[in-house]
């Protein structure tokens, strides 16, 4: 099974909860990402160095958007539904050689480290991946010292696994604790039942726009340490090497 990242990204952009919504990644997201890197705690567990200026985060966002457009990964920006304020960037990417597994990562602004936003984002996106794709397993990885991330992933339904060693963009070896959840485990836990809203596409026949053959609709940098809020199910619904596996959320 190969990952259909283009379809997953398109579907993720129609997912929302009571407080947050997912939208396409754009270059403009590089500026709030740069502001986030001014907090030393944000940078502490990243797999890349603190940028010298905003041009570096703009370049990073550009490369992510390019990889998304090429179908090499899925990524969405998370925004506050009421105002559109940028909360962070959530992504899905290939995991080692496993075609049935996706790895998640989340960069979150410190403004949203409180209020259960991190875990809401993580649970919403994992639920959406299981609902909107055929992926069998989700994996997250974080420094064992990042208690907010590791504890949050467990609260979000992922179980701890092995310690792995990876290299940062500066070629330093770091230890990461992996967490994972399978589709069957997710369904049995009940997380997959009421964890997201999905807005179906609306087509205007009056303007001569007709639905294309899109096929049938198919029904995680750590989560903040608090239980996810209740959300309701709606009606039918990278040039420079970039490592996107780290889990940083305060």
C-alpha atoms as a PDB file:
ATOM      1  CA  UNK A   1       0.000   0.000   0.000  1.00  0.00           C
ATOM      2  CA  UNK A   2       1.392   3.397  -0.984  1.00  0.00           C
ATOM      3  CA  UNK A   3       0.333   6.593   0.717  1.00  0.00           C
ATOM      4  CA  UNK A   4      -2.028   8.887  -1.172  1.00  0.00           C
ATOM      5  CA  UNK A   5      -0.777  12.073   0.460  1.00  0.00           C
ATOM      6  CA  UNK A   6      -2.516  14.363  -2.014  1.00  0.00           C
ATOM      7  CA  UNK A   7      -5.929  12.950  -1.205  1.00  0.00           C
ATOM      8  CA  UNK A   8      -5.205  12.913   2.542  1.00  0.00           C
ATOM      9  CA  UNK A   9      -4.125  16.561   2.506  1.00  0.00           C
ATOM     10  CA  UNK A  10      -7.184  17.583   0.515  1.00  0.00           C
ATOM     11  CA  UNK A  11      -9.451  15.792   2.981  1.00  0.00           C
ATOM     12  CA  UNK A  12      -7.677  17.107   6.088  1.00  0.00           C
ATOM     13  CA  UNK A  13      -8.364  20.658   4.926  1.00  0.00           C
ATOM     14  CA  UNK A  14     -12.084  20.045   5.460  1.00  0.00           C
ATOM     15  CA  UNK A  15     -11.715  18.850   9.071  1.00  0.00           C
ATOM     16  CA  UNK A  16     -12.532  20.960  12.119  1.00  0.00           C
ATOM     17  CA  UNK A  17     -13.603  20.778  15.762  1.00  0.00           C
ATOM     18  CA  UNK A  18     -15.472  23.163  18.006  1.00  0.00           C
ATOM     19  CA  UNK A  19     -12.384  25.369  18.434  1.00  0.00           C
ATOM     20  CA  UNK A  20      -9.947  24.630  15.639  1.00  0.00           C
ATOM     21  CA  UNK A  21      -9.870  24.125  11.883  1.00  0.00           C
ATOM     22  CA  UNK A  22      -7.303  22.765   9.446  1.00  0.00           C
ATOM     23  CA  UNK A  23      -6.288  24.703   6.338  1.00  0.00           C
ATOM     24  CA  UNK A  24      -3.614  24.503   3.611  1.00  0.00           C
ATOM     25  CA  UNK A  25      -0.045  25.440   4.518  1.00  0.00           C
ATOM     26  CA  UNK A  26       1.040  28.785   3.069  1.00  0.00           C
ATOM     27  CA  UNK A  27       4.258  30.807   3.024  1.00  0.00           C
ATOM     28  CA  UNK A  28       2.683  33.303   5.437  1.00  0.00           C
ATOM     29  CA  UNK A  29       2.859  30.636   8.150  1.00  0.00           C
ATOM     30  CA  UNK A  30       6.636  31.152   8.225  1.00  0.00           C
ATOM     31  CA  UNK A  31       6.265  34.381  10.189  1.00  0.00           C
ATOM     32  CA  UNK A  32       4.331  33.012  13.187  1.00  0.00           C
ATOM     33  CA  UNK A  33       6.626  29.963  13.085  1.00  0.00           C
ATOM     34  CA  UNK A  34       9.609  32.326  13.408  1.00  0.00           C
ATOM     35  CA  UNK A  35       7.924  34.071  16.344  1.00  0.00           C
ATOM     36  CA  UNK A  36       7.482  30.648  17.979  1.00  0.00           C
ATOM     37  CA  UNK A  37      11.226  29.953  17.716  1.00  0.00           C
ATOM     38  CA  UNK A  38      11.956  32.971  19.918  1.00  0.00           C
ATOM     39  CA  UNK A  39      10.882  30.858  22.902  1.00  0.00           C
ATOM     40  CA  UNK A  40      13.853  28.689  24.064  1.00  0.00           C
ATOM     41  CA  UNK A  41      11.451  25.966  25.185  1.00  0.00           C
ATOM     42  CA  UNK A  42      10.106  25.661  21.651  1.00  0.00           C
ATOM     43  CA  UNK A  43      13.606  25.109  20.272  1.00  0.00           C
ATOM     44  CA  UNK A  44      14.820  22.733  22.984  1.00  0.00           C
ATOM     45  CA  UNK A  45      13.607  19.486  21.437  1.00  0.00           C
ATOM     46  CA  UNK A  46      13.548  20.399  17.752  1.00  0.00           C
ATOM     47  CA  UNK A  47      15.567  18.472  15.178  1.00  0.00           C
ATOM     48  CA  UNK A  48      16.723  21.738  13.601  1.00  0.00           C
ATOM     49  CA  UNK A  49      18.576  24.800  14.895  1.00  0.00           C
ATOM     50  CA  UNK A  50      17.022  28.083  15.954  1.00  0.00           C
ATOM     51  CA  UNK A  51      16.687  30.207  12.806  1.00  0.00           C
ATOM     52  CA  UNK A  52      18.702  33.407  12.520  1.00  0.00           C
ATOM     53  CA  UNK A  53      15.838  35.315  10.934  1.00  0.00           C
ATOM     54  CA  UNK A  54      12.400  34.857   9.413  1.00  0.00           C
ATOM     55  CA  UNK A  55      13.823  34.053   5.982  1.00  0.00           C
ATOM     56  CA  UNK A  56      14.868  30.632   7.318  1.00  0.00           C
ATOM     57  CA  UNK A  57      11.399  29.711   8.551  1.00  0.00           C
ATOM     58  CA  UNK A  58       9.866  31.056   5.346  1.00  0.00           C
ATOM     59  CA  UNK A  59      12.209  28.769   3.393  1.00  0.00           C
ATOM     60  CA  UNK A  60      11.294  25.833   5.613  1.00  0.00           C
ATOM     61  CA  UNK A  61       7.581  26.410   5.082  1.00  0.00           C
ATOM     62  CA  UNK A  62       8.176  26.779   1.332  1.00  0.00           C
ATOM     63  CA  UNK A  63       9.912  23.394   1.209  1.00  0.00           C
ATOM     64  CA  UNK A  64       7.145  21.747   3.228  1.00  0.00           C
ATOM     65  CA  UNK A  65       4.495  23.225   0.934  1.00  0.00           C
ATOM     66  CA  UNK A  66       6.473  21.995  -2.084  1.00  0.00           C
ATOM     67  CA  UNK A  67       6.696  18.465  -0.642  1.00  0.00           C
ATOM     68  CA  UNK A  68       2.957  18.531   0.022  1.00  0.00           C
ATOM     69  CA  UNK A  69       2.240  19.645  -3.553  1.00  0.00           C
ATOM     70  CA  UNK A  70       4.372  16.762  -4.859  1.00  0.00           C
ATOM     71  CA  UNK A  71       2.516  14.237  -2.726  1.00  0.00           C
ATOM     72  CA  UNK A  72       5.570  13.376  -0.616  1.00  0.00           C
ATOM     73  CA  UNK A  73       3.844  14.125   2.693  1.00  0.00           C
ATOM     74  CA  UNK A  74       0.714  15.695   4.135  1.00  0.00           C
ATOM     75  CA  UNK A  75       0.750  18.882   6.192  1.00  0.00           C
ATOM     76  CA  UNK A  76      -1.883  21.345   7.325  1.00  0.00           C
ATOM     77  CA  UNK A  77      -1.878  24.527   9.342  1.00  0.00           C
ATOM     78  CA  UNK A  78      -4.041  24.527  12.451  1.00  0.00           C
ATOM     79  CA  UNK A  79      -5.954  27.725  13.148  1.00  0.00           C
ATOM     80  CA  UNK A  80      -8.357  29.037  15.751  1.00  0.00           C
ATOM     81  CA  UNK A  81     -11.786  28.684  14.228  1.00  0.00           C
ATOM     82  CA  UNK A  82     -13.151  31.930  15.639  1.00  0.00           C
ATOM     83  CA  UNK A  83     -10.366  34.216  14.361  1.00  0.00           C
ATOM     84  CA  UNK A  84      -8.154  32.230  11.984  1.00  0.00           C
ATOM     85  CA  UNK A  85      -5.142  32.766  14.275  1.00  0.00           C
ATOM     86  CA  UNK A  86      -2.293  30.339  13.506  1.00  0.00           C
ATOM     87  CA  UNK A  87      -1.848  27.693  16.199  1.00  0.00           C
ATOM     88  CA  UNK A  88       0.732  25.487  14.544  1.00  0.00           C
ATOM     89  CA  UNK A  89       1.580  23.035  11.786  1.00  0.00           C
ATOM     90  CA  UNK A  90       0.670  19.354  11.823  1.00  0.00           C
ATOM     91  CA  UNK A  91       2.135  16.837   9.398  1.00  0.00           C
ATOM     92  CA  UNK A  92       2.048  13.220   8.300  1.00  0.00           C
ATOM     93  CA  UNK A  93       5.064  11.656   6.600  1.00  0.00           C
ATOM     94  CA  UNK A  94       6.352   8.211   5.654  1.00  0.00           C
ATOM     95  CA  UNK A  95       7.692   6.065   8.480  1.00  0.00           C
ATOM     96  CA  UNK A  96      10.819   4.067   7.617  1.00  0.00           C
ATOM     97  CA  UNK A  97       9.991   1.351   5.070  1.00  0.00           C
ATOM     98  CA  UNK A  98       6.483   0.661   6.352  1.00  0.00           C
ATOM     99  CA  UNK A  99       3.875   1.437   3.704  1.00  0.00           C
ATOM    100  CA  UNK A 100       0.985   0.997   6.146  1.00  0.00           C
ATOM    101  CA  UNK A 101       2.329   3.478   8.731  1.00  0.00           C
ATOM    102  CA  UNK A 102       2.456   7.263   8.979  1.00  0.00           C
ATOM    103  CA  UNK A 103       4.549   9.359  11.365  1.00  0.00           C
ATOM    104  CA  UNK A 104       3.114  12.512  12.861  1.00  0.00           C
ATOM    105  CA  UNK A 105       4.688  15.762  13.995  1.00  0.00           C
ATOM    106  CA  UNK A 106       3.340  19.018  15.374  1.00  0.00           C
ATOM    107  CA  UNK A 107       4.887  22.454  15.870  1.00  0.00           C
ATOM    108  CA  UNK A 108       2.775  24.606  18.180  1.00  0.00           C
ATOM    109  CA  UNK A 109       3.051  28.253  19.192  1.00  0.00           C
ATOM    110  CA  UNK A 110       3.592  28.787  22.924  1.00  0.00           C
ATOM    111  CA  UNK A 111       0.442  30.916  22.990  1.00  0.00           C
ATOM    112  CA  UNK A 112      -1.519  27.679  22.679  1.00  0.00           C
ATOM    113  CA  UNK A 113       0.426  25.410  25.037  1.00  0.00           C
ATOM    114  CA  UNK A 114      -2.319  25.814  27.600  1.00  0.00           C
ATOM    115  CA  UNK A 115      -6.023  25.222  27.214  1.00  0.00           C
ATOM    116  CA  UNK A 116      -5.790  21.648  25.908  1.00  0.00           C
ATOM    117  CA  UNK A 117      -5.105  22.792  22.350  1.00  0.00           C
ATOM    118  CA  UNK A 118      -2.174  20.447  21.773  1.00  0.00           C
ATOM    119  CA  UNK A 119      -4.035  17.288  22.598  1.00  0.00           C
ATOM    120  CA  UNK A 120      -7.137  18.458  20.739  1.00  0.00           C
ATOM    121  CA  UNK A 121      -5.065  18.999  17.607  1.00  0.00           C
ATOM    122  CA  UNK A 122      -3.333  15.638  17.935  1.00  0.00           C
ATOM    123  CA  UNK A 123      -6.436  13.587  18.557  1.00  0.00           C
ATOM    124  CA  UNK A 124      -8.372  15.415  15.843  1.00  0.00           C
ATOM    125  CA  UNK A 125      -5.662  14.794  13.230  1.00  0.00           C
ATOM    126  CA  UNK A 126      -5.073  11.149  14.165  1.00  0.00           C
ATOM    127  CA  UNK A 127      -8.811  10.487  14.103  1.00  0.00           C
ATOM    128  CA  UNK A 128      -9.027  12.188  10.713  1.00  0.00           C
ATOM    129  CA  UNK A 129      -6.174  10.091   9.297  1.00  0.00           C
ATOM    130  CA  UNK A 130      -7.894   6.866  10.296  1.00  0.00           C
ATOM    131  CA  UNK A 131     -11.228   8.118   8.972  1.00  0.00           C
ATOM    132  CA  UNK A 132      -9.995   9.599   5.704  1.00  0.00           C
ATOM    133  CA  UNK A 133      -7.262   7.175   4.628  1.00  0.00           C
ATOM    134  CA  UNK A 134      -6.405   3.484   4.714  1.00  0.00           C
ATOM    135  CA  UNK A 135      -3.387   3.890   7.038  1.00  0.00           C
ATOM    136  CA  UNK A 136      -3.071   1.032   9.549  1.00  0.00           C
ATOM    137  CA  UNK A 137      -0.776   2.607  12.152  1.00  0.00           C
ATOM    138  CA  UNK A 138       0.224   6.055  13.412  1.00  0.00           C
ATOM    139  CA  UNK A 139       3.637   6.686  15.021  1.00  0.00           C
ATOM    140  CA  UNK A 140       4.925   9.693  16.955  1.00  0.00           C
ATOM    141  CA  UNK A 141       8.415  10.306  18.359  1.00  0.00           C
ATOM    142  CA  UNK A 142       9.697  12.634  21.048  1.00  0.00           C
ATOM    143  CA  UNK A 143      12.656  13.157  23.336  1.00  0.00           C
ATOM    144  CA  UNK A 144      12.099  11.105  26.530  1.00  0.00           C
ATOM    145  CA  UNK A 145      12.879  14.305  28.438  1.00  0.00           C
ATOM    146  CA  UNK A 146       9.992  16.148  26.832  1.00  0.00           C
ATOM    147  CA  UNK A 147       7.416  15.111  29.405  1.00  0.00           C
ATOM    148  CA  UNK A 148       4.698  17.344  27.999  1.00  0.00           C
ATOM    149  CA  UNK A 149       4.986  15.603  24.655  1.00  0.00           C
ATOM    150  CA  UNK A 150       5.397  12.008  25.823  1.00  0.00           C
ATOM    151  CA  UNK A 151       2.655  12.207  28.431  1.00  0.00           C
ATOM    152  CA  UNK A 152       0.397  14.020  26.013  1.00  0.00           C
ATOM    153  CA  UNK A 153       0.753  11.372  23.325  1.00  0.00           C
ATOM    154  CA  UNK A 154      -0.247   8.706  25.821  1.00  0.00           C
ATOM    155  CA  UNK A 155      -3.294  10.727  26.828  1.00  0.00           C
ATOM    156  CA  UNK A 156      -4.063  11.063  23.131  1.00  0.00           C
ATOM    157  CA  UNK A 157      -4.242   7.303  22.678  1.00  0.00           C
ATOM    158  CA  UNK A 158      -0.714   6.387  21.559  1.00  0.00           C
ATOM    159  CA  UNK A 159       1.236   3.706  23.435  1.00  0.00           C
ATOM    160  CA  UNK A 160       4.971   3.913  24.250  1.00  0.00           C
ATOM    161  CA  UNK A 161       7.334   1.782  22.190  1.00  0.00           C
ATOM    162  CA  UNK A 162      11.060   1.518  21.595  1.00  0.00           C
ATOM    163  CA  UNK A 163      13.821   4.087  21.952  1.00  0.00           C
ATOM    164  CA  UNK A 164      15.305   4.951  18.574  1.00  0.00           C
ATOM    165  CA  UNK A 165      18.274   7.073  17.557  1.00  0.00           C
ATOM    166  CA  UNK A 166      18.094   9.643  14.798  1.00  0.00           C
ATOM    167  CA  UNK A 167      20.256  12.488  13.547  1.00  0.00           C
ATOM    168  CA  UNK A 168      19.293  16.138  13.595  1.00  0.00           C
ATOM    169  CA  UNK A 169      19.837  18.475  10.677  1.00  0.00           C
ATOM    170  CA  UNK A 170      23.140  19.391  12.382  1.00  0.00           C
ATOM    171  CA  UNK A 171      24.105  15.680  12.293  1.00  0.00           C
ATOM    172  CA  UNK A 172      23.843  15.190  16.047  1.00  0.00           C
ATOM    173  CA  UNK A 173      22.522  11.846  17.268  1.00  0.00           C
ATOM    174  CA  UNK A 174      19.536  12.075  19.599  1.00  0.00           C
ATOM    175  CA  UNK A 175      17.426   9.482  21.394  1.00  0.00           C
ATOM    176  CA  UNK A 176      13.691   9.525  20.717  1.00  0.00           C
ATOM    177  CA  UNK A 177      10.882   7.624  22.400  1.00  0.00           C
ATOM    178  CA  UNK A 178       8.402   6.271  19.889  1.00  0.00           C
ATOM    179  CA  UNK A 179       4.666   5.977  20.479  1.00  0.00           C
ATOM    180  CA  UNK A 180       2.131   4.299  18.239  1.00  0.00           C
ATOM    181  CA  UNK A 181      -1.471   3.238  17.801  1.00  0.00           C
ATOM    182  CA  UNK A 182      -3.020   0.882  15.261  1.00  0.00           C
ATOM    183  CA  UNK A 183      -6.340   1.398  13.537  1.00  0.00           C
ATOM    184  CA  UNK A 184      -7.933  -1.462  15.502  1.00  0.00           C
ATOM    185  CA  UNK A 185      -6.632  -0.101  18.821  1.00  0.00           C
ATOM    186  CA  UNK A 186      -7.945   3.359  17.958  1.00  0.00           C
ATOM    187  CA  UNK A 187     -11.399   2.062  17.108  1.00  0.00           C
ATOM    188  CA  UNK A 188     -11.579  -0.072  20.254  1.00  0.00           C
ATOM    189  CA  UNK A 189     -10.564   2.902  22.402  1.00  0.00           C
ATOM    190  CA  UNK A 190     -13.559   4.888  21.182  1.00  0.00           C
ATOM    191  CA  UNK A 191     -11.451   7.855  20.050  1.00  0.00           C
ATOM    192  CA  UNK A 192     -12.492   7.326  16.456  1.00  0.00           C
ATOM    193  CA  UNK A 193     -16.213   7.690  17.096  1.00  0.00           C
ATOM    194  CA  UNK A 194     -16.712  11.363  17.978  1.00  0.00           C
ATOM    195  CA  UNK A 195     -13.483  13.163  17.363  1.00  0.00           C
ATOM    196  CA  UNK A 196     -13.937  15.312  14.316  1.00  0.00           C
ATOM    197  CA  UNK A 197     -16.243  17.286  12.067  1.00  0.00           C
ATOM    198  CA  UNK A 198     -15.914  16.943   8.298  1.00  0.00           C
ATOM    199  CA  UNK A 199     -17.513  19.342   5.834  1.00  0.00           C
ATOM    200  CA  UNK A 200     -18.417  17.692   2.553  1.00  0.00           C
ATOM    201  CA  UNK A 201     -17.751  19.492  -0.692  1.00  0.00           C
ATOM    202  CA  UNK A 202     -20.567  21.629  -2.091  1.00  0.00           C
ATOM    203  CA  UNK A 203     -20.965  21.897  -5.849  1.00  0.00           C
ATOM    204  CA  UNK A 204     -22.911  24.575  -7.707  1.00  0.00           C
ATOM    205  CA  UNK A 205     -24.936  22.958 -10.496  1.00  0.00           C
ATOM    206  CA  UNK A 206     -26.487  26.345 -11.226  1.00  0.00           C
ATOM    207  CA  UNK A 207     -23.077  27.578 -12.398  1.00  0.00           C
ATOM    208  CA  UNK A 208     -22.458  24.507 -14.467  1.00  0.00           C
ATOM    209  CA  UNK A 209     -20.014  22.968 -11.995  1.00  0.00           C
ATOM    210  CA  UNK A 210     -20.520  19.248 -11.666  1.00  0.00           C
ATOM    211  CA  UNK A 211     -18.910  16.802  -9.245  1.00  0.00           C
ATOM    212  CA  UNK A 212     -15.997  14.847 -10.655  1.00  0.00           C
ATOM    213  CA  UNK A 213     -15.341  11.169 -10.042  1.00  0.00           C
ATOM    214  CA  UNK A 214     -13.625  11.565  -6.682  1.00  0.00           C
ATOM    215  CA  UNK A 215     -14.487   8.084  -5.392  1.00  0.00           C
ATOM    216  CA  UNK A 216     -16.355   7.124  -2.231  1.00  0.00           C
ATOM    217  CA  UNK A 217     -15.758   9.032   0.978  1.00  0.00           C
ATOM    218  CA  UNK A 218     -13.842   7.037   3.585  1.00  0.00           C
ATOM    219  CA  UNK A 219     -14.877   6.993   7.022  1.00  0.00           C
ATOM    220  CA  UNK A 220      -0.098  14.126  16.711  1.00  0.00           C
ATOM    221  CA  UNK A 221       5.546  17.111  18.566  1.00  0.00           C
ATOM    222  CA  UNK A 222       3.304  15.913  21.316  1.00  0.00           C
ATOM    223  CA  UNK A 223      -0.134  16.357  22.664  1.00  0.00           C
ATOM    224  CA  UNK A 224      -0.805  18.624  25.592  1.00  0.00           C
ATOM    225  CA  UNK A 225      -1.333  16.832  28.890  1.00  0.00           C
ATOM    226  CA  UNK A 226      -5.085  16.992  29.268  1.00  0.00           C
ATOM    227  CA  UNK A 227      -8.058  15.002  27.951  1.00  0.00           C
ATOM    228  CA  UNK A 228      -9.516  15.985  24.565  1.00  0.00           C
ATOM    229  CA  UNK A 229     -12.718  18.020  24.465  1.00  0.00           C
ATOM    230  CA  UNK A 230     -15.874  16.518  23.058  1.00  0.00           C
ATOM    231  CA  UNK A 231     -16.456  17.224  19.393  1.00  0.00           C
ATOM    232  CA  UNK A 232     -19.304  16.084  17.206  1.00  0.00           C
ATOM    233  CA  UNK A 233     -19.333  14.250  13.898  1.00  0.00           C
ATOM    234  CA  UNK A 234     -20.793  16.354  11.098  1.00  0.00           C
ATOM    235  CA  UNK A 235     -23.040  15.102   8.334  1.00  0.00           C
ATOM    236  CA  UNK A 236     -21.255  12.924   5.755  1.00  0.00           C
ATOM    237  CA  UNK A 237     -18.901  13.882   5.967  1.00  0.00           C
ATOM    238  CA  UNK A 238      11.278  18.634   0.988  1.00  0.00           C
ATOM    239  CA  UNK A 239      16.457  20.876  -1.319  1.00  0.00           C
ATOM    240  CA  UNK A 240      17.718  20.947   2.169  1.00  0.00           C
ATOM    241  CA  UNK A 241      16.970  17.928   4.251  1.00  0.00           C
ATOM    242  CA  UNK A 242      14.149  18.667   6.664  1.00  0.00           C
ATOM    243  CA  UNK A 243      13.443  16.321   9.532  1.00  0.00           C
ATOM    244  CA  UNK A 244       9.807  16.558  10.494  1.00  0.00           C
ATOM    245  CA  UNK A 245       9.599  13.759  13.037  1.00  0.00           C
ATOM    246  CA  UNK A 246      10.186  15.639  16.274  1.00  0.00           C
ATOM    247  CA  UNK A 247       7.292  16.274  18.603  1.00  0.00           C
ATOM    248  CA  UNK A 248       7.374  19.653  20.322  1.00  0.00           C
ATOM    249  CA  UNK A 249       4.437  21.191  22.100  1.00  0.00           C
ATOM    250  CA  UNK A 250       5.798  22.905  25.186  1.00  0.00           C
END
